[in-house]
Amino acid sequence: MRARRPRPDLPDAGEDRARPAKPRDPQEERDALLAYAFRALGQRALSAAELRTRLERRSENPDLIEEVLKRVQELGYQNDEQVARSEGNRRGVGTMRVRQTLKRRGVQDDLIQEVVLARDPDREHAEVLTLLERRWSSLARKRDPQASAFAFLARRGYTGNVIWPALREFMADRPVEEPDDEPDWEGEE
């Protein structure tokens, strides 16, 4: 096999083969960042902190990031109150999960507290009963179904103050199943 000669028209392996990016003027950079913000907000409602983090990955200019963030807020495309309220209205998750999710998403503490206090305890109670009804067939097969139900609901963010009364109410409607000591063999004597 013959050795290959290096080709003079190709750069060496150590050199970057990509063309250097054409420097953008400030207006082009602003427009590109604004277009990215609209695309990101079109996919999912983002909190201001989440959008700021995404914009920081695209630009190193903090003034430009702040300008773009203010602009999308002025136009009504980004609003932390809407993000918090939609998270607070989610079904199938408890107050603790809502609080944890909003905190992780960077929503301010006073807004989190407002959303958590606005949640209806009767609605949570009804949601827990619905979840128990839907999942009871699989939970009933566990060694301790009530403990399994409690753990399942706690993982969904419901507090013990909501879980226990709903579990007691749900179990009161269930027939008491007593374990049989002897199998029921019909026809044998």
C-alpha atoms as a PDB file:
ATOM      1  CA  MET A   1       0.000   0.000   0.000  1.00  0.00           C
ATOM      2  CA  ARG A   2       1.324   3.396  -0.924  1.00  0.00           C
ATOM      3  CA  ALA A   3       1.581   6.206   1.552  1.00  0.00           C
ATOM      4  CA  ARG A   4      -0.632   9.160   0.874  1.00  0.00           C
ATOM      5  CA  ARG A   5       0.812  12.553   0.261  1.00  0.00           C
ATOM      6  CA  PRO A   6      -0.731  15.432   2.151  1.00  0.00           C
ATOM      7  CA  ARG A   7      -2.993  17.528  -0.020  1.00  0.00           C
ATOM      8  CA  PRO A   8      -1.914  21.138  -0.101  1.00  0.00           C
ATOM      9  CA  ASP A   9      -5.432  22.535  -0.610  1.00  0.00           C
ATOM     10  CA  LEU A  10      -6.874  21.059   2.631  1.00  0.00           C
ATOM     11  CA  PRO A  11      -6.041  22.459   6.061  1.00  0.00           C
ATOM     12  CA  ASP A  12      -4.190  20.274   8.540  1.00  0.00           C
ATOM     13  CA  ALA A  13      -6.250  18.148  10.951  1.00  0.00           C
ATOM     14  CA  GLY A  14      -5.426  20.493  13.845  1.00  0.00           C
ATOM     15  CA  GLU A  15      -6.897  23.547  12.142  1.00  0.00           C
ATOM     16  CA  ASP A  16     -10.566  24.432  12.431  1.00  0.00           C
ATOM     17  CA  ARG A  17     -12.311  23.582   9.154  1.00  0.00           C
ATOM     18  CA  ALA A  18     -15.361  25.736   9.809  1.00  0.00           C
ATOM     19  CA  ARG A  19     -15.381  29.239   8.441  1.00  0.00           C
ATOM     20  CA  PRO A  20     -15.128  31.889  11.086  1.00  0.00           C
ATOM     21  CA  ALA A  21     -18.510  33.420  11.841  1.00  0.00           C
ATOM     22  CA  LYS A  22     -19.138  36.799  10.321  1.00  0.00           C
ATOM     23  CA  PRO A  23     -19.351  39.293  13.154  1.00  0.00           C
ATOM     24  CA  ARG A  24     -22.877  40.589  13.596  1.00  0.00           C
ATOM     25  CA  ASP A  25     -23.698  44.191  14.160  1.00  0.00           C
ATOM     26  CA  PRO A  26     -25.622  44.916  17.401  1.00  0.00           C
ATOM     27  CA  GLN A  27     -28.987  45.173  15.623  1.00  0.00           C
ATOM     28  CA  GLU A  28     -28.566  41.763  13.929  1.00  0.00           C
ATOM     29  CA  GLU A  29     -27.538  40.188  17.237  1.00  0.00           C
ATOM     30  CA  ARG A  30     -30.576  41.719  18.972  1.00  0.00           C
ATOM     31  CA  ASP A  31     -32.925  40.506  16.237  1.00  0.00           C
ATOM     32  CA  ALA A  32     -31.459  36.992  16.319  1.00  0.00           C
ATOM     33  CA  LEU A  33     -31.747  36.810  20.100  1.00  0.00           C
ATOM     34  CA  LEU A  34     -35.304  38.143  20.003  1.00  0.00           C
ATOM     35  CA  ALA A  35     -36.264  35.580  17.352  1.00  0.00           C
ATOM     36  CA  TYR A  36     -34.744  32.827  19.510  1.00  0.00           C
ATOM     37  CA  ALA A  37     -36.740  34.051  22.537  1.00  0.00           C
ATOM     38  CA  PHE A  38     -39.978  33.924  20.527  1.00  0.00           C
ATOM     39  CA  ARG A  39     -39.201  30.386  19.316  1.00  0.00           C
ATOM     40  CA  ALA A  40     -38.403  29.230  22.862  1.00  0.00           C
ATOM     41  CA  LEU A  41     -41.595  30.771  24.246  1.00  0.00           C
ATOM     42  CA  GLY A  42     -43.589  29.272  21.388  1.00  0.00           C
ATOM     43  CA  GLN A  43     -42.607  25.781  22.506  1.00  0.00           C
ATOM     44  CA  ARG A  44     -43.369  26.170  26.203  1.00  0.00           C
ATOM     45  CA  ALA A  45     -44.276  28.876  28.692  1.00  0.00           C
ATOM     46  CA  LEU A  46     -41.022  29.808  30.398  1.00  0.00           C
ATOM     47  CA  SER A  47     -40.396  31.764  33.563  1.00  0.00           C
ATOM     48  CA  ALA A  48     -38.174  34.843  33.314  1.00  0.00           C
ATOM     49  CA  ALA A  49     -35.326  32.935  34.968  1.00  0.00           C
ATOM     50  CA  GLU A  50     -35.622  30.038  32.515  1.00  0.00           C
ATOM     51  CA  LEU A  51     -35.692  32.371  29.514  1.00  0.00           C
ATOM     52  CA  ARG A  52     -32.734  34.371  30.875  1.00  0.00           C
ATOM     53  CA  THR A  53     -30.731  31.139  31.227  1.00  0.00           C
ATOM     54  CA  ARG A  54     -31.499  30.180  27.635  1.00  0.00           C
ATOM     55  CA  LEU A  55     -30.603  33.632  26.362  1.00  0.00           C
ATOM     56  CA  GLU A  56     -27.320  33.568  28.297  1.00  0.00           C
ATOM     57  CA  ARG A  57     -26.338  30.458  26.332  1.00  0.00           C
ATOM     58  CA  ARG A  58     -26.780  32.464  23.120  1.00  0.00           C
ATOM     59  CA  SER A  59     -25.203  35.771  24.058  1.00  0.00           C
ATOM     60  CA  GLU A  60     -22.572  37.078  26.417  1.00  0.00           C
ATOM     61  CA  ASN A  61     -23.983  40.610  26.458  1.00  0.00           C
ATOM     62  CA  PRO A  62     -26.013  41.014  29.692  1.00  0.00           C
ATOM     63  CA  ASP A  63     -27.503  44.343  28.558  1.00  0.00           C
ATOM     64  CA  LEU A  64     -28.789  42.769  25.361  1.00  0.00           C
ATOM     65  CA  ILE A  65     -30.234  39.814  27.273  1.00  0.00           C
ATOM     66  CA  GLU A  66     -32.054  42.159  29.631  1.00  0.00           C
ATOM     67  CA  GLU A  67     -33.351  44.238  26.710  1.00  0.00           C
ATOM     68  CA  VAL A  68     -34.728  41.154  24.922  1.00  0.00           C
ATOM     69  CA  LEU A  69     -36.290  39.842  28.140  1.00  0.00           C
ATOM     70  CA  LYS A  70     -38.019  43.179  28.792  1.00  0.00           C
ATOM     71  CA  ARG A  71     -39.247  43.356  25.203  1.00  0.00           C
ATOM     72  CA  VAL A  72     -40.934  39.919  25.257  1.00  0.00           C
ATOM     73  CA  GLN A  73     -42.497  40.827  28.605  1.00  0.00           C
ATOM     74  CA  GLU A  74     -43.792  44.144  27.207  1.00  0.00           C
ATOM     75  CA  LEU A  75     -45.361  42.294  24.295  1.00  0.00           C
ATOM     76  CA  GLY A  76     -47.009  39.827  26.699  1.00  0.00           C
ATOM     77  CA  TYR A  77     -45.170  36.713  25.554  1.00  0.00           C
ATOM     78  CA  GLN A  78     -43.523  36.076  28.918  1.00  0.00           C
ATOM     79  CA  ASN A  79     -45.274  36.516  32.249  1.00  0.00           C
ATOM     80  CA  ASP A  80     -44.234  34.819  35.479  1.00  0.00           C
ATOM     81  CA  GLU A  81     -47.740  35.197  36.919  1.00  0.00           C
ATOM     82  CA  GLN A  82     -49.233  33.198  34.045  1.00  0.00           C
ATOM     83  CA  VAL A  83     -46.550  30.521  34.420  1.00  0.00           C
ATOM     84  CA  ALA A  84     -47.216  30.267  38.156  1.00  0.00           C
ATOM     85  CA  ARG A  85     -50.999  30.198  37.773  1.00  0.00           C
ATOM     86  CA  SER A  86     -50.917  27.498  35.102  1.00  0.00           C
ATOM     87  CA  GLU A  87     -48.635  25.382  37.308  1.00  0.00           C
ATOM     88  CA  GLY A  88     -50.965  26.006  40.267  1.00  0.00           C
ATOM     89  CA  ASN A  89     -53.955  24.789  38.232  1.00  0.00           C
ATOM     90  CA  ARG A  90     -52.367  21.489  37.216  1.00  0.00           C
ATOM     91  CA  ARG A  91     -54.453  18.472  38.117  1.00  0.00           C
ATOM     92  CA  GLY A  92     -53.032  15.379  39.727  1.00  0.00           C
ATOM     93  CA  VAL A  93     -50.273  17.144  41.644  1.00  0.00           C
ATOM     94  CA  GLY A  94     -50.335  18.473  45.165  1.00  0.00           C
ATOM     95  CA  THR A  95     -49.340  21.748  46.710  1.00  0.00           C
ATOM     96  CA  MET A  96     -45.855  20.582  47.610  1.00  0.00           C
ATOM     97  CA  ARG A  97     -45.120  19.583  44.004  1.00  0.00           C
ATOM     98  CA  VAL A  98     -46.421  22.930  42.736  1.00  0.00           C
ATOM     99  CA  ARG A  99     -44.223  24.803  45.229  1.00  0.00           C
ATOM    100  CA  GLN A 100     -41.163  22.717  44.346  1.00  0.00           C
ATOM    101  CA  THR A 101     -41.683  23.074  40.585  1.00  0.00           C
ATOM    102  CA  LEU A 102     -42.137  26.837  40.739  1.00  0.00           C
ATOM    103  CA  LYS A 103     -39.072  27.233  42.938  1.00  0.00           C
ATOM    104  CA  ARG A 104     -37.009  25.140  40.505  1.00  0.00           C
ATOM    105  CA  ARG A 105     -38.272  27.245  37.610  1.00  0.00           C
ATOM    106  CA  GLY A 106     -37.054  30.422  39.311  1.00  0.00           C
ATOM    107  CA  VAL A 107     -40.377  32.044  40.185  1.00  0.00           C
ATOM    108  CA  GLN A 108     -40.250  34.571  43.027  1.00  0.00           C
ATOM    109  CA  ASP A 109     -41.171  33.325  46.509  1.00  0.00           C
ATOM    110  CA  ASP A 110     -44.032  35.784  47.054  1.00  0.00           C
ATOM    111  CA  LEU A 111     -45.694  34.676  43.803  1.00  0.00           C
ATOM    112  CA  ILE A 112     -45.215  31.015  44.767  1.00  0.00           C
ATOM    113  CA  GLN A 113     -46.847  31.677  48.134  1.00  0.00           C
ATOM    114  CA  GLU A 114     -49.761  33.454  46.447  1.00  0.00           C
ATOM    115  CA  VAL A 115     -50.362  30.544  44.058  1.00  0.00           C
ATOM    116  CA  VAL A 116     -50.109  27.928  46.811  1.00  0.00           C
ATOM    117  CA  LEU A 117     -52.581  29.800  49.019  1.00  0.00           C
ATOM    118  CA  ALA A 118     -55.004  30.103  46.089  1.00  0.00           C
ATOM    119  CA  ARG A 119     -55.235  26.316  45.657  1.00  0.00           C
ATOM    120  CA  ASP A 120     -58.584  24.909  46.753  1.00  0.00           C
ATOM    121  CA  PRO A 121     -58.256  22.227  49.480  1.00  0.00           C
ATOM    122  CA  ASP A 122     -61.592  20.672  48.484  1.00  0.00           C
ATOM    123  CA  ARG A 123     -60.373  20.277  44.917  1.00  0.00           C
ATOM    124  CA  GLU A 124     -57.191  18.595  46.168  1.00  0.00           C
ATOM    125  CA  HIS A 125     -59.287  16.254  48.313  1.00  0.00           C
ATOM    126  CA  ALA A 126     -61.410  15.339  45.276  1.00  0.00           C
ATOM    127  CA  GLU A 127     -58.265  14.823  43.148  1.00  0.00           C
ATOM    128  CA  VAL A 128     -56.812  12.457  45.756  1.00  0.00           C
ATOM    129  CA  LEU A 129     -60.052  10.450  45.835  1.00  0.00           C
ATOM    130  CA  THR A 130     -60.034  10.258  42.024  1.00  0.00           C
ATOM    131  CA  LEU A 131     -56.408   9.090  41.995  1.00  0.00           C
ATOM    132  CA  LEU A 132     -57.151   6.471  44.642  1.00  0.00           C
ATOM    133  CA  GLU A 133     -60.138   5.193  42.677  1.00  0.00           C
ATOM    134  CA  ARG A 134     -58.117   4.990  39.486  1.00  0.00           C
ATOM    135  CA  ARG A 135     -55.047   3.349  41.038  1.00  0.00           C
ATOM    136  CA  TRP A 136     -56.556   1.205  43.767  1.00  0.00           C
ATOM    137  CA  SER A 137     -56.534  -2.034  41.784  1.00  0.00           C
ATOM    138  CA  SER A 138     -52.724  -1.958  41.571  1.00  0.00           C
ATOM    139  CA  LEU A 139     -52.232  -0.559  45.085  1.00  0.00           C
ATOM    140  CA  ALA A 140     -54.513  -3.208  46.637  1.00  0.00           C
ATOM    141  CA  ARG A 141     -52.106  -5.966  45.547  1.00  0.00           C
ATOM    142  CA  LYS A 142     -49.307  -4.549  47.695  1.00  0.00           C
ATOM    143  CA  ARG A 143     -48.482  -5.913  51.123  1.00  0.00           C
ATOM    144  CA  ASP A 144     -49.727  -2.728  52.787  1.00  0.00           C
ATOM    145  CA  PRO A 145     -52.066  -1.000  50.326  1.00  0.00           C
ATOM    146  CA  GLN A 146     -52.703   2.052  52.487  1.00  0.00           C
ATOM    147  CA  ALA A 147     -48.981   2.713  52.975  1.00  0.00           C
ATOM    148  CA  SER A 148     -48.426   2.261  49.247  1.00  0.00           C
ATOM    149  CA  ALA A 149     -51.274   4.665  48.502  1.00  0.00           C
ATOM    150  CA  PHE A 150     -49.857   7.204  50.923  1.00  0.00           C
ATOM    151  CA  ALA A 151     -46.390   6.951  49.343  1.00  0.00           C
ATOM    152  CA  PHE A 152     -47.844   7.246  45.832  1.00  0.00           C
ATOM    153  CA  LEU A 153     -49.791  10.386  46.727  1.00  0.00           C
ATOM    154  CA  ALA A 154     -46.888  11.919  48.653  1.00  0.00           C
ATOM    155  CA  ARG A 155     -44.657  11.491  45.587  1.00  0.00           C
ATOM    156  CA  ARG A 156     -47.236  13.477  43.657  1.00  0.00           C
ATOM    157  CA  GLY A 157     -46.835  16.323  46.130  1.00  0.00           C
ATOM    158  CA  TYR A 158     -49.902  15.943  48.324  1.00  0.00           C
ATOM    159  CA  THR A 159     -49.440  16.592  52.028  1.00  0.00           C
ATOM    160  CA  GLY A 160     -50.471  14.264  54.835  1.00  0.00           C
ATOM    161  CA  ASN A 161     -53.241  16.718  55.788  1.00  0.00           C
ATOM    162  CA  VAL A 162     -54.876  15.985  52.438  1.00  0.00           C
ATOM    163  CA  ILE A 163     -53.946  12.323  52.049  1.00  0.00           C
ATOM    164  CA  TRP A 164     -55.111  10.884  55.384  1.00  0.00           C
ATOM    165  CA  PRO A 165     -58.690  12.199  55.367  1.00  0.00           C
ATOM    166  CA  ALA A 166     -59.142  11.176  51.730  1.00  0.00           C
ATOM    167  CA  LEU A 167     -57.662   7.736  52.403  1.00  0.00           C
ATOM    168  CA  ARG A 168     -59.946   7.214  55.399  1.00  0.00           C
ATOM    169  CA  GLU A 169     -62.966   8.272  53.346  1.00  0.00           C
ATOM    170  CA  PHE A 170     -61.943   6.030  50.466  1.00  0.00           C
ATOM    171  CA  MET A 171     -61.354   3.020  52.731  1.00  0.00           C
ATOM    172  CA  ALA A 172     -64.693   3.522  54.507  1.00  0.00           C
ATOM    173  CA  ASP A 173     -66.455   2.875  51.181  1.00  0.00           C
ATOM    174  CA  ARG A 174     -64.461  -0.320  50.567  1.00  0.00           C
ATOM    175  CA  PRO A 175     -65.647  -3.681  51.859  1.00  0.00           C
ATOM    176  CA  VAL A 176     -63.395  -5.136  54.531  1.00  0.00           C
ATOM    177  CA  GLU A 177     -61.429  -8.004  53.069  1.00  0.00           C
ATOM    178  CA  GLU A 178     -60.456 -10.579  55.594  1.00  0.00           C
ATOM    179  CA  PRO A 179     -57.876 -13.176  54.722  1.00  0.00           C
ATOM    180  CA  ASP A 180     -59.266 -16.670  54.397  1.00  0.00           C
ATOM    181  CA  ASP A 181     -57.586 -19.254  56.604  1.00  0.00           C
ATOM    182  CA  GLU A 182     -58.914 -22.147  54.610  1.00  0.00           C
ATOM    183  CA  PRO A 183     -59.490 -22.298  50.878  1.00  0.00           C
ATOM    184  CA  ASP A 184     -63.074 -22.563  49.814  1.00  0.00           C
ATOM    185  CA  TRP A 185     -63.330 -25.956  48.098  1.00  0.00           C
ATOM    186  CA  GLU A 186     -66.797 -26.538  46.890  1.00  0.00           C
ATOM    187  CA  GLY A 187     -67.913 -30.085  46.359  1.00  0.00           C
ATOM    188  CA  GLU A 188     -65.257 -31.705  48.542  1.00  0.00           C
ATOM    189  CA  GLU A 189     -66.113 -33.451  51.766  1.00  0.00           C
END
